[in-house]
Structures are given as C-alpha cells and as structure tokens.
C-alpha cells in the first residue's frame, strides 16, 4: 500500500480480506491446508471443530477467494487459492514475535529498575 492512494472500494476489499483472516477457526483451516488439498472430513478431524462450523468458515473463505474447492463423487476437497496468504501470515507472525520479545525485554528491565513495590 505504500505510496498508493487507494479508493474506498479497494480499501473495503482489503478490509474484508483482513476480516476473513481475523478468525482463529479460519486461520486454523488455512494452516491445515498449507500442506495441500484436504476433504471437509479431514479438516473437521484436524481442526477439532464441528462439521457445521468448518463448512461455514470454508464457505466464507471460498467467497473471499482464499480457498478453492473441487468435487469428487460425494466428497468436496478444499485447497488454498493463493499461497501468498501464508506470506502475509508469516509477516504478521514475525511482527508479533518481535513485538512480544520487545515487551518481555521491557518488562524484565522495568522489574529490575523499579525494585519491589512499597505501600505508603
């Protein structure tokens, strides 16, 4: 986005993509699909989520263009539509790790500097 002036419609589409990634169940489903295509039954087993919940979240991911599906007989298989979603997740994870490390350093330094709390 740096240097780009985005119109309202584009910003809304970007916000919708982030909303799709803002749910732990959907992130778990994407993580489960990182290794390749899986059936709905596999995703239920791997995530531990209820079948209705998995189906609902897969539909949202499908409508958002993050996953694709194919039917084979009675089974439906899902896969990630664009592997760049994992790049985005890795950026966020790296940023979160750096933030938490900084916070831990800050807390460790703060405890050592202030000494024990006293009550007046």
PDB file of N, CA and C in Angstrom:
ATOM      1  N   UNK A   1       0.820  -1.191   0.000  1.00  0.00           N
ATOM      2  CA  UNK A   1       0.000   0.000   0.000  1.00  0.00           C
ATOM      3  C   UNK A   1       0.862   1.252   0.000  1.00  0.00           C
ATOM      4  N   UNK A   2       2.109   1.135   0.398  1.00  0.00           N
ATOM      5  CA  UNK A   2       2.979   2.298   0.495  1.00  0.00           C
ATOM      6  C   UNK A   2       3.029   3.033  -0.840  1.00  0.00           C
ATOM      7  N   UNK A   3       2.742   4.315  -0.806  1.00  0.00           N
ATOM      8  CA  UNK A   3       2.809   5.134  -1.995  1.00  0.00           C
ATOM      9  C   UNK A   3       1.550   5.090  -2.848  1.00  0.00           C
ATOM     10  N   UNK A   4       0.667   4.142  -2.617  1.00  0.00           N
ATOM     11  CA  UNK A   4      -0.571   4.035  -3.386  1.00  0.00           C
ATOM     12  C   UNK A   4      -1.691   4.777  -2.679  1.00  0.00           C
ATOM     13  N   UNK A   5      -2.460   5.519  -3.474  1.00  0.00           N
ATOM     14  CA  UNK A   5      -3.669   6.129  -2.947  1.00  0.00           C
ATOM     15  C   UNK A   5      -4.808   5.228  -3.397  1.00  0.00           C
ATOM     16  N   UNK A   6      -5.462   4.602  -2.432  1.00  0.00           N
ATOM     17  CA  UNK A   6      -6.488   3.617  -2.732  1.00  0.00           C
ATOM     18  C   UNK A   6      -7.875   4.228  -2.585  1.00  0.00           C
ATOM     19  N   UNK A   7      -8.764   3.861  -3.503  1.00  0.00           N
ATOM     20  CA  UNK A   7     -10.124   4.370  -3.413  1.00  0.00           C
ATOM     21  C   UNK A   7     -10.901   3.603  -2.336  1.00  0.00           C
ATOM     22  N   UNK A   8     -12.063   4.088  -2.009  1.00  0.00           N
ATOM     23  CA  UNK A   8     -12.863   3.497  -0.931  1.00  0.00           C
ATOM     24  C   UNK A   8     -13.220   2.041  -1.205  1.00  0.00           C
ATOM     25  N   UNK A   9     -13.552   1.696  -2.442  1.00  0.00           N
ATOM     26  CA  UNK A   9     -13.927   0.319  -2.775  1.00  0.00           C
ATOM     27  C   UNK A   9     -12.739  -0.621  -2.565  1.00  0.00           C
ATOM     28  N   UNK A  10     -11.559  -0.202  -2.980  1.00  0.00           N
ATOM     29  CA  UNK A  10     -10.365  -1.023  -2.799  1.00  0.00           C
ATOM     30  C   UNK A  10     -10.052  -1.191  -1.314  1.00  0.00           C
ATOM     31  N   UNK A  11     -10.176  -0.123  -0.550  1.00  0.00           N
ATOM     32  CA  UNK A  11      -9.931  -0.213   0.889  1.00  0.00           C
ATOM     33  C   UNK A  11     -10.925  -1.163   1.554  1.00  0.00           C
ATOM     34  N   UNK A  12     -12.160  -1.154   1.113  1.00  0.00           N
ATOM     35  CA  UNK A  12     -13.162  -2.066   1.673  1.00  0.00           C
ATOM     36  C   UNK A  12     -12.816  -3.518   1.344  1.00  0.00           C
ATOM     37  N   UNK A  13     -12.350  -3.773   0.126  1.00  0.00           N
ATOM     38  CA  UNK A  13     -11.951  -5.131  -0.254  1.00  0.00           C
ATOM     39  C   UNK A  13     -10.759  -5.611   0.582  1.00  0.00           C
ATOM     40  N   UNK A  14      -9.819  -4.729   0.833  1.00  0.00           N
ATOM     41  CA  UNK A  14      -8.666  -5.071   1.667  1.00  0.00           C
ATOM     42  C   UNK A  14      -9.122  -5.353   3.095  1.00  0.00           C
ATOM     43  N   UNK A  15     -10.007  -4.516   3.617  1.00  0.00           N
ATOM     44  CA  UNK A  15     -10.519  -4.713   4.977  1.00  0.00           C
ATOM     45  C   UNK A  15     -11.265  -6.040   5.082  1.00  0.00           C
ATOM     46  N   UNK A  16     -12.021  -6.397   4.041  1.00  0.00           N
ATOM     47  CA  UNK A  16     -12.744  -7.672   4.050  1.00  0.00           C
ATOM     48  C   UNK A  16     -11.767  -8.842   4.086  1.00  0.00           C
ATOM     49  N   UNK A  17     -10.682  -8.737   3.353  1.00  0.00           N
ATOM     50  CA  UNK A  17      -9.674  -9.812   3.360  1.00  0.00           C
ATOM     51  C   UNK A  17      -9.094  -9.969   4.769  1.00  0.00           C
ATOM     52  N   UNK A  18      -8.797  -8.855   5.423  1.00  0.00           N
ATOM     53  CA  UNK A  18      -8.279  -8.938   6.795  1.00  0.00           C
ATOM     54  C   UNK A  18      -9.328  -9.482   7.759  1.00  0.00           C
ATOM     55  N   UNK A  19     -10.594  -9.138   7.554  1.00  0.00           N
ATOM     56  CA  UNK A  19     -11.649  -9.703   8.411  1.00  0.00           C
ATOM     57  C   UNK A  19     -11.711 -11.224   8.249  1.00  0.00           C
ATOM     58  N   UNK A  20     -11.548 -11.699   7.016  1.00  0.00           N
ATOM     59  CA  UNK A  20     -11.538 -13.147   6.789  1.00  0.00           C
ATOM     60  C   UNK A  20     -10.411 -13.815   7.560  1.00  0.00           C
ATOM     61  N   UNK A  21      -9.285 -13.145   7.663  1.00  0.00           N
ATOM     62  CA  UNK A  21      -8.130 -13.704   8.359  1.00  0.00           C
ATOM     63  C   UNK A  21      -8.181 -13.437   9.860  1.00  0.00           C
ATOM     64  N   UNK A  22      -9.212 -12.759  10.316  1.00  0.00           N
ATOM     65  CA  UNK A  22      -9.302 -12.363  11.713  1.00  0.00           C
ATOM     66  C   UNK A  22     -10.030 -13.361  12.601  1.00  0.00           C
ATOM     67  N   UNK A  23     -10.200 -14.576  12.149  1.00  0.00           N
ATOM     68  CA  UNK A  23     -10.905 -15.577  12.943  1.00  0.00           C
ATOM     69  C   UNK A  23     -10.003 -16.785  13.161  1.00  0.00           C
ATOM     70  N   UNK A  24      -9.831 -17.226  14.408  1.00  0.00           N
ATOM     71  CA  UNK A  24      -8.933 -18.354  14.685  1.00  0.00           C
ATOM     72  C   UNK A  24      -9.309 -19.649  13.960  1.00  0.00           C
ATOM     73  N   UNK A  25     -10.600 -19.917  13.788  1.00  0.00           N
ATOM     74  CA  UNK A  25     -11.004 -21.138  13.092  1.00  0.00           C
ATOM     75  C   UNK A  25     -10.575 -21.068  11.628  1.00  0.00           C
ATOM     76  N   UNK A  26     -10.784 -19.911  10.999  1.00  0.00           N
ATOM     77  CA  UNK A  26     -10.384 -19.780   9.593  1.00  0.00           C
ATOM     78  C   UNK A  26      -8.867 -19.856   9.448  1.00  0.00           C
ATOM     79  N   UNK A  27      -8.136 -19.275  10.379  1.00  0.00           N
ATOM     80  CA  UNK A  27      -6.672 -19.385  10.334  1.00  0.00           C
ATOM     81  C   UNK A  27      -6.236 -20.840  10.502  1.00  0.00           C
ATOM     82  N   UNK A  28      -6.899 -21.563  11.394  1.00  0.00           N
ATOM     83  CA  UNK A  28      -6.579 -22.985  11.601  1.00  0.00           C
ATOM     84  C   UNK A  28      -6.871 -23.787  10.333  1.00  0.00           C
ATOM     85  N   UNK A  29      -7.972 -23.474   9.659  1.00  0.00           N
ATOM     86  CA  UNK A  29      -8.295 -24.153   8.409  1.00  0.00           C
ATOM     87  C   UNK A  29      -7.233 -23.875   7.348  1.00  0.00           C
ATOM     88  N   UNK A  30      -6.836 -22.617   7.214  1.00  0.00           N
ATOM     89  CA  UNK A  30      -5.797 -22.284   6.241  1.00  0.00           C
ATOM     90  C   UNK A  30      -4.490 -22.985   6.580  1.00  0.00           C
ATOM     91  N   UNK A  31      -4.150 -23.006   7.852  1.00  0.00           N
ATOM     92  CA  UNK A  31      -2.929 -23.692   8.288  1.00  0.00           C
ATOM     93  C   UNK A  31      -3.006 -25.175   7.934  1.00  0.00           C
ATOM     94  N   UNK A  32      -4.174 -25.764   8.101  1.00  0.00           N
ATOM     95  CA  UNK A  32      -4.355 -27.181   7.778  1.00  0.00           C
ATOM     96  C   UNK A  32      -4.248 -27.442   6.283  1.00  0.00           C
ATOM     97  N   UNK A  33      -4.565 -26.432   5.486  1.00  0.00           N
ATOM     98  CA  UNK A  33      -4.499 -26.575   4.030  1.00  0.00           C
ATOM     99  C   UNK A  33      -3.123 -26.230   3.465  1.00  0.00           C
ATOM    100  N   UNK A  34      -2.234 -25.774   4.311  1.00  0.00           N
ATOM    101  CA  UNK A  34      -0.908 -25.371   3.822  1.00  0.00           C
ATOM    102  C   UNK A  34      -0.175 -26.553   3.185  1.00  0.00           C
ATOM    103  N   UNK A  35      -0.400 -27.749   3.691  1.00  0.00           N
ATOM    104  CA  UNK A  35       0.254 -28.928   3.146  1.00  0.00           C
ATOM    105  C   UNK A  35      -0.394 -29.464   1.882  1.00  0.00           C
ATOM    106  N   UNK A  36      -1.519 -28.913   1.507  1.00  0.00           N
ATOM    107  CA  UNK A  36      -2.201 -29.368   0.296  1.00  0.00           C
ATOM    108  C   UNK A  36      -3.686 -29.566   0.515  1.00  0.00           C
ATOM    109  N   UNK A  37      -4.314 -30.047  -0.503  1.00  0.00           N
ATOM    110  CA  UNK A  37      -5.755 -30.241  -0.545  1.00  0.00           C
ATOM    111  C   UNK A  37      -6.224 -31.223   0.530  1.00  0.00           C
ATOM    112  N   UNK A  38      -7.405 -30.924   1.109  1.00  0.00           N
ATOM    113  CA  UNK A  38      -7.998 -31.801   2.127  1.00  0.00           C
ATOM    114  C   UNK A  38      -9.509 -31.830   1.943  1.00  0.00           C
ATOM    115  N   UNK A  39     -10.086 -32.940   2.350  1.00  0.00           N
ATOM    116  CA  UNK A  39     -11.545 -33.043   2.332  1.00  0.00           C
ATOM    117  C   UNK A  39     -12.110 -32.341   3.565  1.00  0.00           C
ATOM    118  N   UNK A  40     -13.394 -32.078   3.528  1.00  0.00           N
ATOM    119  CA  UNK A  40     -14.056 -31.463   4.681  1.00  0.00           C
ATOM    120  C   UNK A  40     -13.914 -32.367   5.902  1.00  0.00           C
ATOM    121  N   UNK A  41     -14.080 -33.674   5.706  1.00  0.00           N
ATOM    122  CA  UNK A  41     -13.942 -34.615   6.833  1.00  0.00           C
ATOM    123  C   UNK A  41     -12.540 -34.544   7.425  1.00  0.00           C
ATOM    124  N   UNK A  42     -11.519 -34.440   6.578  1.00  0.00           N
ATOM    125  CA  UNK A  42     -10.145 -34.295   7.078  1.00  0.00           C
ATOM    126  C   UNK A  42      -9.994 -33.021   7.894  1.00  0.00           C
ATOM    127  N   UNK A  43     -10.566 -31.935   7.382  1.00  0.00           N
ATOM    128  CA  UNK A  43     -10.447 -30.644   8.073  1.00  0.00           C
ATOM    129  C   UNK A  43     -11.157 -30.664   9.418  1.00  0.00           C
ATOM    130  N   UNK A  44     -12.296 -31.349   9.491  1.00  0.00           N
ATOM    131  CA  UNK A  44     -13.001 -31.497  10.763  1.00  0.00           C
ATOM    132  C   UNK A  44     -12.114 -32.249  11.743  1.00  0.00           C
ATOM    133  N   UNK A  45     -11.512 -33.345  11.295  1.00  0.00           N
ATOM    134  CA  UNK A  45     -10.665 -34.162  12.169  1.00  0.00           C
ATOM    135  C   UNK A  45      -9.423 -33.400  12.621  1.00  0.00           C
ATOM    136  N   UNK A  46      -8.792 -32.691  11.704  1.00  0.00           N
ATOM    137  CA  UNK A  46      -7.535 -31.996  12.008  1.00  0.00           C
ATOM    138  C   UNK A  46      -7.757 -30.795  12.922  1.00  0.00           C
ATOM    139  N   UNK A  47      -8.840 -30.051  12.679  1.00  0.00           N
ATOM    140  CA  UNK A  47      -9.062 -28.830  13.463  1.00  0.00           C
ATOM    141  C   UNK A  47      -9.788 -29.080  14.768  1.00  0.00           C
ATOM    142  N   UNK A  48     -10.528 -30.183  14.851  1.00  0.00           N
ATOM    143  CA  UNK A  48     -11.312 -30.448  16.055  1.00  0.00           C
ATOM    144  C   UNK A  48     -12.583 -29.631  16.120  1.00  0.00           C
ATOM    145  N   UNK A  49     -12.881 -28.886  15.068  1.00  0.00           N
ATOM    146  CA  UNK A  49     -14.095 -28.065  15.034  1.00  0.00           C
ATOM    147  C   UNK A  49     -15.270 -28.918  14.560  1.00  0.00           C
ATOM    148  N   UNK A  50     -16.459 -28.464  14.845  1.00  0.00           N
ATOM    149  CA  UNK A  50     -17.670 -29.154  14.405  1.00  0.00           C
ATOM    150  C   UNK A  50     -17.815 -29.026  12.885  1.00  0.00           C
ATOM    151  N   UNK A  51     -18.436 -30.025  12.264  1.00  0.00           N
ATOM    152  CA  UNK A  51     -18.586 -30.041  10.808  1.00  0.00           C
ATOM    153  C   UNK A  51     -19.340 -28.806  10.316  1.00  0.00           C
ATOM    154  N   UNK A  52     -20.377 -28.399  11.008  1.00  0.00           N
ATOM    155  CA  UNK A  52     -21.154 -27.230  10.586  1.00  0.00           C
ATOM    156  C   UNK A  52     -20.295 -25.967  10.618  1.00  0.00           C
ATOM    157  N   UNK A  53     -19.466 -25.847  11.634  1.00  0.00           N
ATOM    158  CA  UNK A  53     -18.584 -24.688  11.761  1.00  0.00           C
ATOM    159  C   UNK A  53     -17.535 -24.682  10.646  1.00  0.00           C
ATOM    160  N   UNK A  54     -16.929 -25.835  10.394  1.00  0.00           N
ATOM    161  CA  UNK A  54     -15.923 -25.939   9.330  1.00  0.00           C
ATOM    162  C   UNK A  54     -16.552 -25.564   7.989  1.00  0.00           C
ATOM    163  N   UNK A  55     -17.725 -26.089   7.703  1.00  0.00           N
ATOM    164  CA  UNK A  55     -18.396 -25.792   6.443  1.00  0.00           C
ATOM    165  C   UNK A  55     -18.693 -24.307   6.306  1.00  0.00           C
ATOM    166  N   UNK A  56     -19.180 -23.697   7.379  1.00  0.00           N
ATOM    167  CA  UNK A  56     -19.499 -22.263   7.357  1.00  0.00           C
ATOM    168  C   UNK A  56     -18.252 -21.438   7.061  1.00  0.00           C
ATOM    169  N   UNK A  57     -17.163 -21.740   7.752  1.00  0.00           N
ATOM    170  CA  UNK A  57     -15.932 -20.973   7.563  1.00  0.00           C
ATOM    171  C   UNK A  57     -15.310 -21.220   6.191  1.00  0.00           C
ATOM    172  N   UNK A  58     -15.410 -22.452   5.696  1.00  0.00           N
ATOM    173  CA  UNK A  58     -14.902 -22.730   4.351  1.00  0.00           C
ATOM    174  C   UNK A  58     -15.682 -21.954   3.298  1.00  0.00           C
ATOM    175  N   UNK A  59     -16.987 -21.815   3.497  1.00  0.00           N
ATOM    176  CA  UNK A  59     -17.795 -21.038   2.551  1.00  0.00           C
ATOM    177  C   UNK A  59     -17.362 -19.578   2.541  1.00  0.00           C
ATOM    178  N   UNK A  60     -17.090 -19.029   3.719  1.00  0.00           N
ATOM    179  CA  UNK A  60     -16.620 -17.642   3.795  1.00  0.00           C
ATOM    180  C   UNK A  60     -15.269 -17.489   3.097  1.00  0.00           C
ATOM    181  N   UNK A  61     -14.364 -18.428   3.341  1.00  0.00           N
ATOM    182  CA  UNK A  61     -13.051 -18.385   2.699  1.00  0.00           C
ATOM    183  C   UNK A  61     -13.173 -18.558   1.185  1.00  0.00           C
ATOM    184  N   UNK A  62     -14.099 -19.386   0.754  1.00  0.00           N
ATOM    185  CA  UNK A  62     -14.332 -19.593  -0.673  1.00  0.00           C
ATOM    186  C   UNK A  62     -14.859 -18.315  -1.327  1.00  0.00           C
ATOM    187  N   UNK A  63     -15.871 -17.713  -0.712  1.00  0.00           N
ATOM    188  CA  UNK A  63     -16.434 -16.460  -1.252  1.00  0.00           C
ATOM    189  C   UNK A  63     -15.400 -15.349  -1.268  1.00  0.00           C
ATOM    190  N   UNK A  64     -14.481 -15.371  -0.314  1.00  0.00           N
ATOM    191  CA  UNK A  64     -13.435 -14.355  -0.243  1.00  0.00           C
ATOM    192  C   UNK A  64     -12.247 -14.636  -1.143  1.00  0.00           C
ATOM    193  N   UNK A  65     -12.273 -15.769  -1.838  1.00  0.00           N
ATOM    194  CA  UNK A  65     -11.208 -16.080  -2.774  1.00  0.00           C
ATOM    195  C   UNK A  65      -9.939 -16.638  -2.159  1.00  0.00           C
ATOM    196  N   UNK A  66      -9.995 -17.024  -0.885  1.00  0.00           N
ATOM    197  CA  UNK A  66      -8.800 -17.553  -0.224  1.00  0.00           C
ATOM    198  C   UNK A  66      -8.644 -19.052  -0.408  1.00  0.00           C
ATOM    199  N   UNK A  67      -9.753 -19.754  -0.640  1.00  0.00           N
ATOM    200  CA  UNK A  67      -9.674 -21.192  -0.918  1.00  0.00           C
ATOM    201  C   UNK A  67     -10.475 -21.487  -2.183  1.00  0.00           C
ATOM    202  N   UNK A  68     -10.197 -22.646  -2.745  1.00  0.00           N
ATOM    203  CA  UNK A  68     -10.993 -23.146  -3.863  1.00  0.00           C
ATOM    204  C   UNK A  68     -11.401 -24.569  -3.546  1.00  0.00           C
ATOM    205  N   UNK A  69     -12.385 -25.071  -4.266  1.00  0.00           N
ATOM    206  CA  UNK A  69     -12.863 -26.420  -3.976  1.00  0.00           C
ATOM    207  C   UNK A  69     -13.070 -27.189  -5.269  1.00  0.00           C
ATOM    208  N   UNK A  70     -13.050 -28.493  -5.100  1.00  0.00           N
ATOM    209  CA  UNK A  70     -13.411 -29.378  -6.204  1.00  0.00           C
ATOM    210  C   UNK A  70     -14.200 -30.534  -5.626  1.00  0.00           C
ATOM    211  N   UNK A  71     -15.111 -31.014  -6.417  1.00  0.00           N
ATOM    212  CA  UNK A  71     -15.945 -32.143  -6.016  1.00  0.00           C
ATOM    213  C   UNK A  71     -15.443 -33.395  -6.706  1.00  0.00           C
ATOM    214  N   UNK A  72     -15.424 -34.461  -5.932  1.00  0.00           N
ATOM    215  CA  UNK A  72     -15.095 -35.765  -6.491  1.00  0.00           C
ATOM    216  C   UNK A  72     -16.048 -36.769  -5.860  1.00  0.00           C
ATOM    217  N   UNK A  73     -17.015 -37.188  -6.625  1.00  0.00           N
ATOM    218  CA  UNK A  73     -18.036 -38.077  -6.089  1.00  0.00           C
ATOM    219  C   UNK A  73     -18.807 -37.380  -4.988  1.00  0.00           C
ATOM    220  N   UNK A  74     -18.853 -38.029  -3.846  1.00  0.00           N
ATOM    221  CA  UNK A  74     -19.582 -37.466  -2.703  1.00  0.00           C
ATOM    222  C   UNK A  74     -18.723 -36.543  -1.851  1.00  0.00           C
ATOM    223  N   UNK A  75     -17.455 -36.399  -2.184  1.00  0.00           N
ATOM    224  CA  UNK A  75     -16.537 -35.634  -1.362  1.00  0.00           C
ATOM    225  C   UNK A  75     -16.231 -34.274  -1.989  1.00  0.00           C
ATOM    226  N   UNK A  76     -15.983 -33.301  -1.111  1.00  0.00           N
ATOM    227  CA  UNK A  76     -15.563 -31.973  -1.533  1.00  0.00           C
ATOM    228  C   UNK A  76     -14.180 -31.748  -0.949  1.00  0.00           C
ATOM    229  N   UNK A  77     -13.270 -31.307  -1.799  1.00  0.00           N
ATOM    230  CA  UNK A  77     -11.889 -31.055  -1.387  1.00  0.00           C
ATOM    231  C   UNK A  77     -11.593 -29.575  -1.502  1.00  0.00           C
ATOM    232  N   UNK A  78     -10.902 -29.055  -0.498  1.00  0.00           N
ATOM    233  CA  UNK A  78     -10.522 -27.645  -0.478  1.00  0.00           C
ATOM    234  C   UNK A  78      -9.014 -27.513  -0.544  1.00  0.00           C
ATOM    235  N   UNK A  79      -8.590 -26.425  -1.157  1.00  0.00           N
ATOM    236  CA  UNK A  79      -7.171 -26.084  -1.199  1.00  0.00           C
ATOM    237  C   UNK A  79      -7.045 -24.566  -1.143  1.00  0.00           C
ATOM    238  N   UNK A  80      -5.858 -24.100  -0.836  1.00  0.00           N
ATOM    239  CA  UNK A  80      -5.610 -22.664  -0.776  1.00  0.00           C
ATOM    240  C   UNK A  80      -5.547 -22.133  -2.207  1.00  0.00           C
ATOM    241  N   UNK A  81      -6.244 -21.051  -2.458  1.00  0.00           N
ATOM    242  CA  UNK A  81      -6.309 -20.479  -3.802  1.00  0.00           C
ATOM    243  C   UNK A  81      -5.062 -19.665  -4.141  1.00  0.00           C
ATOM    244  N   UNK A  82      -4.438 -19.079  -3.125  1.00  0.00           N
ATOM    245  CA  UNK A  82      -3.279 -18.217  -3.359  1.00  0.00           C
ATOM    246  C   UNK A  82      -2.326 -18.374  -2.179  1.00  0.00           C
ATOM    247  N   UNK A  83      -1.171 -18.986  -2.432  1.00  0.00           N
ATOM    248  CA  UNK A  83      -0.198 -19.237  -1.362  1.00  0.00           C
ATOM    249  C   UNK A  83       0.354 -17.963  -0.727  1.00  0.00           C
ATOM    250  N   UNK A  84       0.117 -16.815  -1.344  1.00  0.00           N
ATOM    251  CA  UNK A  84       0.606 -15.563  -0.739  1.00  0.00           C
ATOM    252  C   UNK A  84      -0.051 -15.274   0.600  1.00  0.00           C
ATOM    253  N   UNK A  85      -1.190 -15.923   0.885  1.00  0.00           N
ATOM    254  CA  UNK A  85      -1.824 -15.753   2.184  1.00  0.00           C
ATOM    255  C   UNK A  85      -0.867 -16.197   3.292  1.00  0.00           C
ATOM    256  N   UNK A  86      -0.019 -17.209   3.009  1.00  0.00           N
ATOM    257  CA  UNK A  86       0.933 -17.673   4.011  1.00  0.00           C
ATOM    258  C   UNK A  86       2.069 -16.672   4.202  1.00  0.00           C
ATOM    259  N   UNK A  87       2.423 -15.949   3.146  1.00  0.00           N
ATOM    260  CA  UNK A  87       3.416 -14.882   3.281  1.00  0.00           C
ATOM    261  C   UNK A  87       2.895 -13.816   4.237  1.00  0.00           C
ATOM    262  N   UNK A  88       1.645 -13.460   4.063  1.00  0.00           N
ATOM    263  CA  UNK A  88       1.021 -12.466   4.939  1.00  0.00           C
ATOM    264  C   UNK A  88       1.005 -12.960   6.385  1.00  0.00           C
ATOM    265  N   UNK A  89       0.633 -14.216   6.578  1.00  0.00           N
ATOM    266  CA  UNK A  89       0.611 -14.783   7.931  1.00  0.00           C
ATOM    267  C   UNK A  89       2.011 -14.798   8.534  1.00  0.00           C
ATOM    268  N   UNK A  90       3.017 -15.114   7.736  1.00  0.00           N
ATOM    269  CA  UNK A  90       4.394 -15.120   8.232  1.00  0.00           C
ATOM    270  C   UNK A  90       4.854 -13.718   8.620  1.00  0.00           C
ATOM    271  N   UNK A  91       4.443 -12.712   7.871  1.00  0.00           N
ATOM    272  CA  UNK A  91       4.785 -11.332   8.221  1.00  0.00           C
ATOM    273  C   UNK A  91       4.159 -10.968   9.557  1.00  0.00           C
ATOM    274  N   UNK A  92       2.884 -11.308   9.718  1.00  0.00           N
ATOM    275  CA  UNK A  92       2.188 -10.989  10.975  1.00  0.00           C
ATOM    276  C   UNK A  92       2.819 -11.754  12.134  1.00  0.00           C
ATOM    277  N   UNK A  93       3.122 -13.043  11.929  1.00  0.00           N
ATOM    278  CA  UNK A  93       3.749 -13.836  12.996  1.00  0.00           C
ATOM    279  C   UNK A  93       5.107 -13.267  13.368  1.00  0.00           C
ATOM    280  N   UNK A  94       5.896 -12.881  12.380  1.00  0.00           N
ATOM    281  CA  UNK A  94       7.204 -12.291  12.651  1.00  0.00           C
ATOM    282  C   UNK A  94       7.088 -10.980  13.405  1.00  0.00           C
ATOM    283  N   UNK A  95       6.120 -10.170  12.999  1.00  0.00           N
ATOM    284  CA  UNK A  95       5.892  -8.896  13.667  1.00  0.00           C
ATOM    285  C   UNK A  95       5.431  -9.116  15.105  1.00  0.00           C
ATOM    286  N   UNK A  96       4.545 -10.083  15.304  1.00  0.00           N
ATOM    287  CA  UNK A  96       4.046 -10.390  16.647  1.00  0.00           C
ATOM    288  C   UNK A  96       5.170 -10.909  17.535  1.00  0.00           C
ATOM    289  N   UNK A  97       6.009 -11.769  16.989  1.00  0.00           N
ATOM    290  CA  UNK A  97       7.145 -12.302  17.748  1.00  0.00           C
ATOM    291  C   UNK A  97       8.073 -11.176  18.180  1.00  0.00           C
ATOM    292  N   UNK A  98       8.391 -10.285  17.249  1.00  0.00           N
ATOM    293  CA  UNK A  98       9.275  -9.156  17.573  1.00  0.00           C
ATOM    294  C   UNK A  98       8.646  -8.261  18.638  1.00  0.00           C
ATOM    295  N   UNK A  99       7.359  -8.012  18.518  1.00  0.00           N
ATOM    296  CA  UNK A  99       6.653  -7.187  19.493  1.00  0.00           C
ATOM    297  C   UNK A  99       6.689  -7.823  20.881  1.00  0.00           C
ATOM    298  N   UNK A 100       6.386  -9.128  20.951  1.00  0.00           N
ATOM    299  CA  UNK A 100       6.369  -9.807  22.241  1.00  0.00           C
ATOM    300  C   UNK A 100       7.761  -9.874  22.865  1.00  0.00           C
ATOM    301  N   UNK A 101       8.787 -10.090  22.055  1.00  0.00           N
ATOM    302  CA  UNK A 101      10.156 -10.094  22.576  1.00  0.00           C
ATOM    303  C   UNK A 101      10.511  -8.731  23.149  1.00  0.00           C
ATOM    304  N   UNK A 102      10.121  -7.678  22.456  1.00  0.00           N
ATOM    305  CA  UNK A 102      10.381  -6.321  22.930  1.00  0.00           C
ATOM    306  C   UNK A 102       9.641  -6.058  24.244  1.00  0.00           C
ATOM    307  N   UNK A 103       8.398  -6.511  24.309  1.00  0.00           N
ATOM    308  CA  UNK A 103       7.614  -6.337  25.532  1.00  0.00           C
ATOM    309  C   UNK A 103       8.234  -7.103  26.706  1.00  0.00           C
ATOM    310  N   UNK A 104       8.703  -8.329  26.457  1.00  0.00           N
ATOM    311  CA  UNK A 104       9.355  -9.110  27.515  1.00  0.00           C
ATOM    312  C   UNK A 104      10.634  -8.424  27.999  1.00  0.00           C
ATOM    313  N   UNK A 105      11.413  -7.895  27.056  1.00  0.00           N
ATOM    314  CA  UNK A 105      12.627  -7.161  27.442  1.00  0.00           C
ATOM    315  C   UNK A 105      12.271  -5.943  28.273  1.00  0.00           C
ATOM    316  N   UNK A 106      11.235  -5.247  27.858  1.00  0.00           N
ATOM    317  CA  UNK A 106      10.785  -4.057  28.587  1.00  0.00           C
ATOM    318  C   UNK A 106      10.341  -4.431  30.001  1.00  0.00           C
ATOM    319  N   UNK A 107       9.561  -5.500  30.126  1.00  0.00           N
ATOM    320  CA  UNK A 107       9.096  -5.933  31.445  1.00  0.00           C
ATOM    321  C   UNK A 107      10.250  -6.388  32.324  1.00  0.00           C
ATOM    322  N   UNK A 108      11.185  -7.106  31.756  1.00  0.00           N
ATOM    323  CA  UNK A 108      12.340  -7.571  32.527  1.00  0.00           C
ATOM    324  C   UNK A 108      13.175  -6.387  33.005  1.00  0.00           C
ATOM    325  N   UNK A 109      13.371  -5.420  32.145  1.00  0.00           N
ATOM    326  CA  UNK A 109      14.132  -4.221  32.521  1.00  0.00           C
ATOM    327  C   UNK A 109      13.402  -3.374  33.531  1.00  0.00           C
ATOM    328  N   UNK A 110      12.106  -3.284  33.397  1.00  0.00           N
ATOM    329  CA  UNK A 110      11.288  -2.480  34.301  1.00  0.00           C
ATOM    330  C   UNK A 110      11.303  -3.069  35.706  1.00  0.00           C
ATOM    331  N   UNK A 111      11.182  -4.392  35.803  1.00  0.00           N
ATOM    332  CA  UNK A 111      11.185  -5.022  37.117  1.00  0.00           C
ATOM    333  C   UNK A 111      12.518  -4.800  37.818  1.00  0.00           C
ATOM    334  N   UNK A 112      13.606  -4.878  37.077  1.00  0.00           N
ATOM    335  CA  UNK A 112      14.935  -4.705  37.683  1.00  0.00           C
ATOM    336  C   UNK A 112      15.203  -3.280  38.105  1.00  0.00           C
ATOM    337  N   UNK A 113      14.632  -2.299  37.392  1.00  0.00           N
ATOM    338  CA  UNK A 113      14.896  -0.894  37.680  1.00  0.00           C
ATOM    339  C   UNK A 113      14.087  -0.375  38.855  1.00  0.00           C
ATOM    340  N   UNK A 114      12.862  -0.822  38.994  1.00  0.00           N
ATOM    341  CA  UNK A 114      11.976  -0.236  39.994  1.00  0.00           C
ATOM    342  C   UNK A 114      12.124  -0.887  41.357  1.00  0.00           C
ATOM    343  N   UNK A 115      12.610  -2.097  41.403  1.00  0.00           N
ATOM    344  CA  UNK A 115      12.718  -2.764  42.689  1.00  0.00           C
ATOM    345  C   UNK A 115      11.355  -3.124  43.203  1.00  0.00           C
ATOM    346  N   UNK A 116      11.275  -3.600  44.432  1.00  0.00           N
ATOM    347  CA  UNK A 116       9.987  -4.027  44.981  1.00  0.00           C
ATOM    348  C   UNK A 116       9.068  -2.850  45.200  1.00  0.00           C
ATOM    349  N   UNK A 117       7.790  -3.100  45.060  1.00  0.00           N
ATOM    350  CA  UNK A 117       6.774  -2.051  45.280  1.00  0.00           C
ATOM    351  C   UNK A 117       6.646  -1.795  46.773  1.00  0.00           C
ATOM    352  N   UNK A 118       6.426  -0.534  47.127  1.00  0.00           N
ATOM    353  CA  UNK A 118       6.205  -0.180  48.527  1.00  0.00           C
ATOM    354  C   UNK A 118       4.860   0.472  48.667  1.00  0.00           C
ATOM    355  N   UNK A 119       4.255   0.326  49.825  1.00  0.00           N
ATOM    356  CA  UNK A 119       2.961   0.924  50.093  1.00  0.00           C
ATOM    357  C   UNK A 119       3.177   2.082  51.039  1.00  0.00           C
ATOM    358  N   UNK A 120       2.605   3.249  50.707  1.00  0.00           N
ATOM    359  CA  UNK A 120       2.783   4.424  51.549  1.00  0.00           C
ATOM    360  C   UNK A 120       1.721   4.519  52.594  1.00  0.00           C
TER     361      UNK A 120
END
